[in-house]
Amino acid sequence: MRIWDISPSLLCRQHLLAEHRELHGLWNILTIHQGRGGYSKHPETKRWQGKRMALYQRHQALVKEFNKRGYQHFSDLDIQYADGLRHQGVLLNSLAEQKQILIDKPCSCLIKYRK
């Protein structure tokens, strides 16, 4: 499970769609299951606890990128659960490390940063 902290515009199609799918799974853990079950102890889950508003805003950024690329989106989050902090200040990897992880993958993420 990974929610990136870099701009969605830098993600390839595969990683944009994967993050969106994983964000919905994380949202369910933090709202419906209230931190219980399978991935509740995952570091990515823990860093979003108390920051559902920030997660909601990340989702909205992904949706904006979907629209920009002409993708359809039919899975809005319920804003009534978007509480807590508006900013995610905890990173599992620095922004530079996240960019390097994506540059090292065989995809078109961060294409403008590749050598």
N, C-alpha and C. Protein backbone atom coordinates (compact mmCIF):
# COMPACT_ATOMS: atom_id res chain seq x y z
N MET A 1 0.86 -1.17 0.00
CA MET A 1 0.00 0.00 0.00
C MET A 1 0.90 1.23 0.00
N ARG A 2 0.59 2.18 -0.89
CA ARG A 2 1.35 3.43 -0.92
C ARG A 2 0.48 4.57 -1.40
N ILE A 3 0.54 5.66 -0.63
CA ILE A 3 -0.03 6.92 -1.06
C ILE A 3 1.17 7.85 -1.26
N TRP A 4 1.38 8.26 -2.50
CA TRP A 4 2.51 9.13 -2.83
C TRP A 4 2.28 10.53 -2.28
N ASP A 5 3.36 11.26 -2.11
CA ASP A 5 3.27 12.65 -1.65
C ASP A 5 3.67 13.63 -2.75
N ILE A 6 4.04 13.12 -3.89
CA ILE A 6 4.40 13.97 -5.02
C ILE A 6 3.15 14.28 -5.83
N SER A 7 3.26 15.23 -6.71
CA SER A 7 2.11 15.63 -7.53
C SER A 7 1.59 14.47 -8.36
N PRO A 8 0.28 14.27 -8.39
CA PRO A 8 -0.29 13.22 -9.24
C PRO A 8 0.07 13.39 -10.72
N SER A 9 0.37 14.61 -11.13
CA SER A 9 0.72 14.84 -12.54
C SER A 9 2.01 14.15 -12.94
N LEU A 10 2.83 13.77 -11.97
CA LEU A 10 4.09 13.10 -12.25
C LEU A 10 3.96 11.59 -12.36
N LEU A 11 2.78 11.07 -12.02
CA LEU A 11 2.57 9.63 -12.03
C LEU A 11 2.13 9.13 -13.40
N CYS A 12 2.61 7.95 -13.77
CA CYS A 12 2.12 7.31 -14.99
C CYS A 12 0.71 6.80 -14.72
N ARG A 13 0.05 6.35 -15.77
CA ARG A 13 -1.32 5.86 -15.65
C ARG A 13 -1.42 4.74 -14.61
N GLN A 14 -0.50 3.78 -14.69
CA GLN A 14 -0.52 2.62 -13.80
C GLN A 14 -0.44 3.05 -12.33
N HIS A 15 0.49 3.94 -12.01
CA HIS A 15 0.66 4.35 -10.62
C HIS A 15 -0.44 5.29 -10.15
N LEU A 16 -0.97 6.11 -11.04
CA LEU A 16 -2.09 6.98 -10.69
C LEU A 16 -3.32 6.14 -10.32
N LEU A 17 -3.64 5.16 -11.16
CA LEU A 17 -4.80 4.31 -10.89
C LEU A 17 -4.58 3.43 -9.66
N ALA A 18 -3.36 2.94 -9.48
CA ALA A 18 -3.07 2.09 -8.32
C ALA A 18 -3.19 2.89 -7.02
N GLU A 19 -2.66 4.12 -7.03
CA GLU A 19 -2.78 4.93 -5.82
C GLU A 19 -4.25 5.22 -5.51
N HIS A 20 -5.03 5.51 -6.54
CA HIS A 20 -6.45 5.79 -6.31
C HIS A 20 -7.13 4.57 -5.68
N ARG A 21 -6.85 3.40 -6.20
CA ARG A 21 -7.43 2.17 -5.65
C ARG A 21 -6.99 1.96 -4.20
N GLU A 22 -5.71 2.15 -3.93
CA GLU A 22 -5.20 1.96 -2.57
C GLU A 22 -5.71 3.02 -1.61
N LEU A 23 -5.89 4.24 -2.10
CA LEU A 23 -6.45 5.29 -1.26
C LEU A 23 -7.86 4.93 -0.82
N HIS A 24 -8.65 4.36 -1.71
CA HIS A 24 -10.00 3.94 -1.32
C HIS A 24 -9.95 2.84 -0.27
N GLY A 25 -9.02 1.92 -0.40
CA GLY A 25 -8.85 0.87 0.61
C GLY A 25 -8.47 1.46 1.95
N LEU A 26 -7.55 2.40 1.92
CA LEU A 26 -7.12 3.07 3.15
C LEU A 26 -8.27 3.86 3.77
N TRP A 27 -9.03 4.56 2.93
CA TRP A 27 -10.19 5.32 3.42
C TRP A 27 -11.16 4.39 4.15
N ASN A 28 -11.40 3.21 3.60
CA ASN A 28 -12.29 2.25 4.25
C ASN A 28 -11.74 1.78 5.59
N ILE A 29 -10.43 1.57 5.65
CA ILE A 29 -9.82 1.17 6.92
C ILE A 29 -10.01 2.27 7.97
N LEU A 30 -9.83 3.52 7.55
CA LEU A 30 -9.88 4.63 8.49
C LEU A 30 -11.30 5.09 8.84
N THR A 31 -12.28 4.72 8.03
CA THR A 31 -13.66 5.16 8.29
C THR A 31 -14.55 3.99 8.70
N ILE A 32 -14.80 3.09 7.80
CA ILE A 32 -15.72 1.98 8.06
C ILE A 32 -15.17 1.03 9.13
N HIS A 33 -13.92 0.64 8.97
CA HIS A 33 -13.33 -0.34 9.89
C HIS A 33 -12.64 0.32 11.08
N GLN A 34 -12.54 1.64 11.05
CA GLN A 34 -12.00 2.44 12.15
C GLN A 34 -10.68 1.89 12.70
N GLY A 35 -9.77 1.60 11.77
CA GLY A 35 -8.43 1.19 12.17
C GLY A 35 -8.31 -0.24 12.63
N ARG A 36 -9.31 -1.07 12.35
CA ARG A 36 -9.25 -2.49 12.72
C ARG A 36 -9.09 -3.32 11.46
N GLY A 37 -8.46 -4.45 11.60
CA GLY A 37 -8.38 -5.38 10.49
C GLY A 37 -7.05 -5.36 9.77
N GLY A 38 -7.03 -6.04 8.63
CA GLY A 38 -5.86 -6.34 7.81
C GLY A 38 -4.71 -5.36 7.80
N TYR A 39 -4.91 -4.21 7.25
CA TYR A 39 -3.82 -3.26 7.07
C TYR A 39 -3.81 -2.15 8.13
N SER A 40 -4.52 -2.35 9.22
CA SER A 40 -4.63 -1.28 10.23
C SER A 40 -3.29 -0.95 10.89
N LYS A 41 -2.35 -1.88 10.90
CA LYS A 41 -1.04 -1.65 11.51
C LYS A 41 0.02 -1.27 10.49
N HIS A 42 -0.36 -1.20 9.22
CA HIS A 42 0.59 -0.85 8.15
C HIS A 42 1.09 0.58 8.38
N PRO A 43 2.37 0.85 8.14
CA PRO A 43 2.90 2.20 8.33
C PRO A 43 2.13 3.28 7.54
N GLU A 44 1.68 2.93 6.34
CA GLU A 44 0.93 3.90 5.54
C GLU A 44 -0.40 4.23 6.21
N THR A 45 -1.04 3.23 6.79
CA THR A 45 -2.29 3.47 7.52
C THR A 45 -2.04 4.35 8.74
N LYS A 46 -1.02 4.02 9.48
CA LYS A 46 -0.72 4.77 10.71
C LYS A 46 -0.43 6.24 10.42
N ARG A 47 0.24 6.53 9.30
CA ARG A 47 0.59 7.93 9.05
C ARG A 47 -0.62 8.78 8.66
N TRP A 48 -1.73 8.13 8.26
CA TRP A 48 -2.94 8.88 7.89
C TRP A 48 -3.96 8.94 9.02
N GLN A 49 -3.72 8.26 10.12
CA GLN A 49 -4.66 8.33 11.24
C GLN A 49 -4.72 9.76 11.76
N GLY A 50 -5.93 10.26 11.93
CA GLY A 50 -6.13 11.63 12.39
C GLY A 50 -5.95 12.66 11.29
N LYS A 51 -5.83 12.20 10.04
CA LYS A 51 -5.60 13.11 8.91
C LYS A 51 -6.52 12.77 7.73
N ARG A 52 -7.74 12.42 8.03
CA ARG A 52 -8.66 12.04 6.94
C ARG A 52 -8.96 13.22 6.01
N MET A 53 -8.93 14.44 6.51
CA MET A 53 -9.13 15.59 5.63
C MET A 53 -7.97 15.68 4.63
N ALA A 54 -6.77 15.45 5.08
CA ALA A 54 -5.61 15.46 4.18
C ALA A 54 -5.74 14.34 3.15
N LEU A 55 -6.21 13.18 3.57
CA LEU A 55 -6.40 12.06 2.64
C LEU A 55 -7.50 12.38 1.64
N TYR A 56 -8.56 13.01 2.10
CA TYR A 56 -9.64 13.43 1.22
C TYR A 56 -9.10 14.41 0.17
N GLN A 57 -8.27 15.34 0.59
CA GLN A 57 -7.70 16.31 -0.34
C GLN A 57 -6.77 15.64 -1.34
N ARG A 58 -6.02 14.62 -0.91
CA ARG A 58 -5.17 13.87 -1.84
C ARG A 58 -6.06 13.19 -2.88
N HIS A 59 -7.17 12.62 -2.44
CA HIS A 59 -8.10 12.00 -3.38
C HIS A 59 -8.59 13.01 -4.40
N GLN A 60 -8.93 14.21 -3.94
CA GLN A 60 -9.41 15.24 -4.85
C GLN A 60 -8.33 15.62 -5.86
N ALA A 61 -7.08 15.64 -5.44
CA ALA A 61 -5.97 15.92 -6.36
C ALA A 61 -5.85 14.81 -7.41
N LEU A 62 -6.05 13.56 -6.99
CA LEU A 62 -6.03 12.44 -7.95
C LEU A 62 -7.17 12.58 -8.95
N VAL A 63 -8.36 12.92 -8.46
CA VAL A 63 -9.53 13.09 -9.33
C VAL A 63 -9.29 14.23 -10.33
N LYS A 64 -8.69 15.30 -9.87
CA LYS A 64 -8.37 16.42 -10.76
C LYS A 64 -7.44 15.95 -11.89
N GLU A 65 -6.47 15.12 -11.54
CA GLU A 65 -5.56 14.58 -12.56
C GLU A 65 -6.29 13.61 -13.48
N PHE A 66 -7.21 12.82 -12.94
CA PHE A 66 -8.05 11.94 -13.77
C PHE A 66 -8.74 12.78 -14.84
N ASN A 67 -9.41 13.84 -14.39
CA ASN A 67 -10.16 14.70 -15.31
C ASN A 67 -9.24 15.31 -16.37
N LYS A 68 -8.09 15.75 -15.95
CA LYS A 68 -7.12 16.35 -16.87
C LYS A 68 -6.72 15.37 -17.97
N ARG A 69 -6.63 14.09 -17.62
CA ARG A 69 -6.23 13.06 -18.57
C ARG A 69 -7.42 12.47 -19.34
N GLY A 70 -8.62 12.90 -19.01
CA GLY A 70 -9.79 12.40 -19.70
C GLY A 70 -10.32 11.09 -19.14
N TYR A 71 -9.89 10.71 -17.96
CA TYR A 71 -10.38 9.49 -17.32
C TYR A 71 -11.71 9.79 -16.64
N GLN A 72 -12.53 8.77 -16.52
CA GLN A 72 -13.79 8.92 -15.81
C GLN A 72 -13.59 8.53 -14.35
N HIS A 73 -14.33 9.20 -13.48
CA HIS A 73 -14.23 8.91 -12.05
C HIS A 73 -15.64 8.79 -11.48
N PHE A 74 -15.90 7.68 -10.79
CA PHE A 74 -17.23 7.43 -10.25
C PHE A 74 -17.21 7.06 -8.77
N SER A 75 -16.11 7.29 -8.08
CA SER A 75 -16.01 6.81 -6.70
C SER A 75 -15.60 7.93 -5.75
N ASP A 76 -16.53 8.85 -5.53
CA ASP A 76 -16.27 9.94 -4.59
C ASP A 76 -16.18 9.42 -3.17
N LEU A 77 -15.43 10.12 -2.35
CA LEU A 77 -15.37 9.82 -0.92
C LEU A 77 -16.46 10.62 -0.22
N ASP A 78 -16.95 10.10 0.88
CA ASP A 78 -17.98 10.79 1.66
C ASP A 78 -17.31 11.84 2.53
N ILE A 79 -17.53 13.10 2.19
CA ILE A 79 -16.86 14.21 2.88
C ILE A 79 -17.22 14.29 4.36
N GLN A 80 -18.32 13.69 4.78
CA GLN A 80 -18.68 13.75 6.21
C GLN A 80 -17.62 13.09 7.09
N TYR A 81 -16.80 12.19 6.50
CA TYR A 81 -15.75 11.52 7.26
C TYR A 81 -14.41 12.24 7.16
N ALA A 82 -14.35 13.31 6.39
CA ALA A 82 -13.10 14.03 6.15
C ALA A 82 -12.83 14.98 7.30
N ASP A 83 -12.30 14.44 8.38
CA ASP A 83 -11.99 15.25 9.55
C ASP A 83 -10.49 15.17 9.84
N GLY A 84 -10.09 15.78 10.90
CA GLY A 84 -8.68 15.74 11.28
C GLY A 84 -7.85 16.77 10.54
N LEU A 85 -6.56 16.55 10.57
CA LEU A 85 -5.62 17.50 9.97
C LEU A 85 -5.78 17.59 8.46
N ARG A 86 -5.52 18.77 7.94
CA ARG A 86 -5.62 19.03 6.50
C ARG A 86 -4.30 18.81 5.78
N HIS A 87 -3.25 18.58 6.54
CA HIS A 87 -1.92 18.45 5.94
C HIS A 87 -1.26 17.16 6.42
N GLN A 88 -0.63 16.46 5.49
CA GLN A 88 0.13 15.27 5.83
C GLN A 88 1.59 15.67 5.96
N GLY A 89 2.10 15.70 7.16
CA GLY A 89 3.48 16.11 7.38
C GLY A 89 4.43 14.95 7.63
N VAL A 90 3.89 13.75 7.74
CA VAL A 90 4.71 12.57 7.99
C VAL A 90 4.95 11.87 6.65
N LEU A 91 6.21 11.67 6.32
CA LEU A 91 6.56 10.98 5.08
C LEU A 91 7.29 9.68 5.42
N LEU A 92 6.92 8.61 4.76
CA LEU A 92 7.64 7.35 4.94
C LEU A 92 8.95 7.39 4.17
N ASN A 93 8.95 8.10 3.06
CA ASN A 93 10.15 8.37 2.27
C ASN A 93 10.13 9.85 1.93
N SER A 94 11.29 10.48 1.87
CA SER A 94 11.34 11.89 1.48
C SER A 94 10.82 12.04 0.06
N LEU A 95 10.50 13.26 -0.32
CA LEU A 95 10.04 13.51 -1.69
C LEU A 95 11.11 13.09 -2.70
N ALA A 96 12.37 13.37 -2.40
CA ALA A 96 13.46 12.97 -3.29
C ALA A 96 13.53 11.45 -3.40
N GLU A 97 13.36 10.75 -2.29
CA GLU A 97 13.37 9.28 -2.31
C GLU A 97 12.19 8.75 -3.11
N GLN A 98 11.02 9.35 -2.94
CA GLN A 98 9.84 8.91 -3.70
C GLN A 98 10.06 9.09 -5.19
N LYS A 99 10.64 10.23 -5.57
CA LYS A 99 10.93 10.45 -6.99
C LYS A 99 11.91 9.42 -7.51
N GLN A 100 12.93 9.10 -6.72
CA GLN A 100 13.92 8.12 -7.18
C GLN A 100 13.30 6.73 -7.29
N ILE A 101 12.43 6.37 -6.36
CA ILE A 101 11.73 5.07 -6.44
C ILE A 101 10.99 4.97 -7.77
N LEU A 102 10.31 6.04 -8.13
CA LEU A 102 9.55 6.02 -9.38
C LEU A 102 10.45 6.08 -10.61
N ILE A 103 11.52 6.83 -10.54
CA ILE A 103 12.46 6.89 -11.67
C ILE A 103 13.05 5.51 -11.94
N ASP A 104 13.27 4.74 -10.89
CA ASP A 104 13.88 3.42 -11.02
C ASP A 104 12.90 2.36 -11.53
N LYS A 105 11.64 2.68 -11.61
CA LYS A 105 10.64 1.72 -12.11
C LYS A 105 10.58 1.78 -13.63
N PRO A 106 10.22 0.66 -14.26
CA PRO A 106 10.12 0.63 -15.73
C PRO A 106 8.77 1.16 -16.22
N CYS A 107 8.53 2.43 -15.97
CA CYS A 107 7.27 3.04 -16.37
C CYS A 107 7.55 4.47 -16.80
N SER A 108 6.53 5.24 -17.05
CA SER A 108 6.73 6.61 -17.52
C SER A 108 6.54 7.66 -16.41
N CYS A 109 6.55 7.23 -15.15
CA CYS A 109 6.47 8.19 -14.05
C CYS A 109 7.69 9.12 -14.12
N LEU A 110 7.47 10.37 -13.79
CA LEU A 110 8.54 11.37 -13.70
C LEU A 110 9.40 11.40 -14.96
N ILE A 111 8.79 11.21 -16.10
CA ILE A 111 9.53 11.11 -17.35
C ILE A 111 10.45 12.31 -17.56
N LYS A 112 10.03 13.49 -17.13
CA LYS A 112 10.85 14.67 -17.34
C LYS A 112 12.07 14.72 -16.43
N TYR A 113 12.13 13.85 -15.41
CA TYR A 113 13.27 13.82 -14.49
C TYR A 113 14.30 12.75 -14.87
N ARG A 114 13.94 11.90 -15.81
CA ARG A 114 14.86 10.81 -16.19
C ARG A 114 16.03 11.34 -17.00
N LYS A 115 17.15 10.67 -16.87
CA LYS A 115 18.36 11.09 -17.60
C LYS A 115 18.37 10.53 -19.00
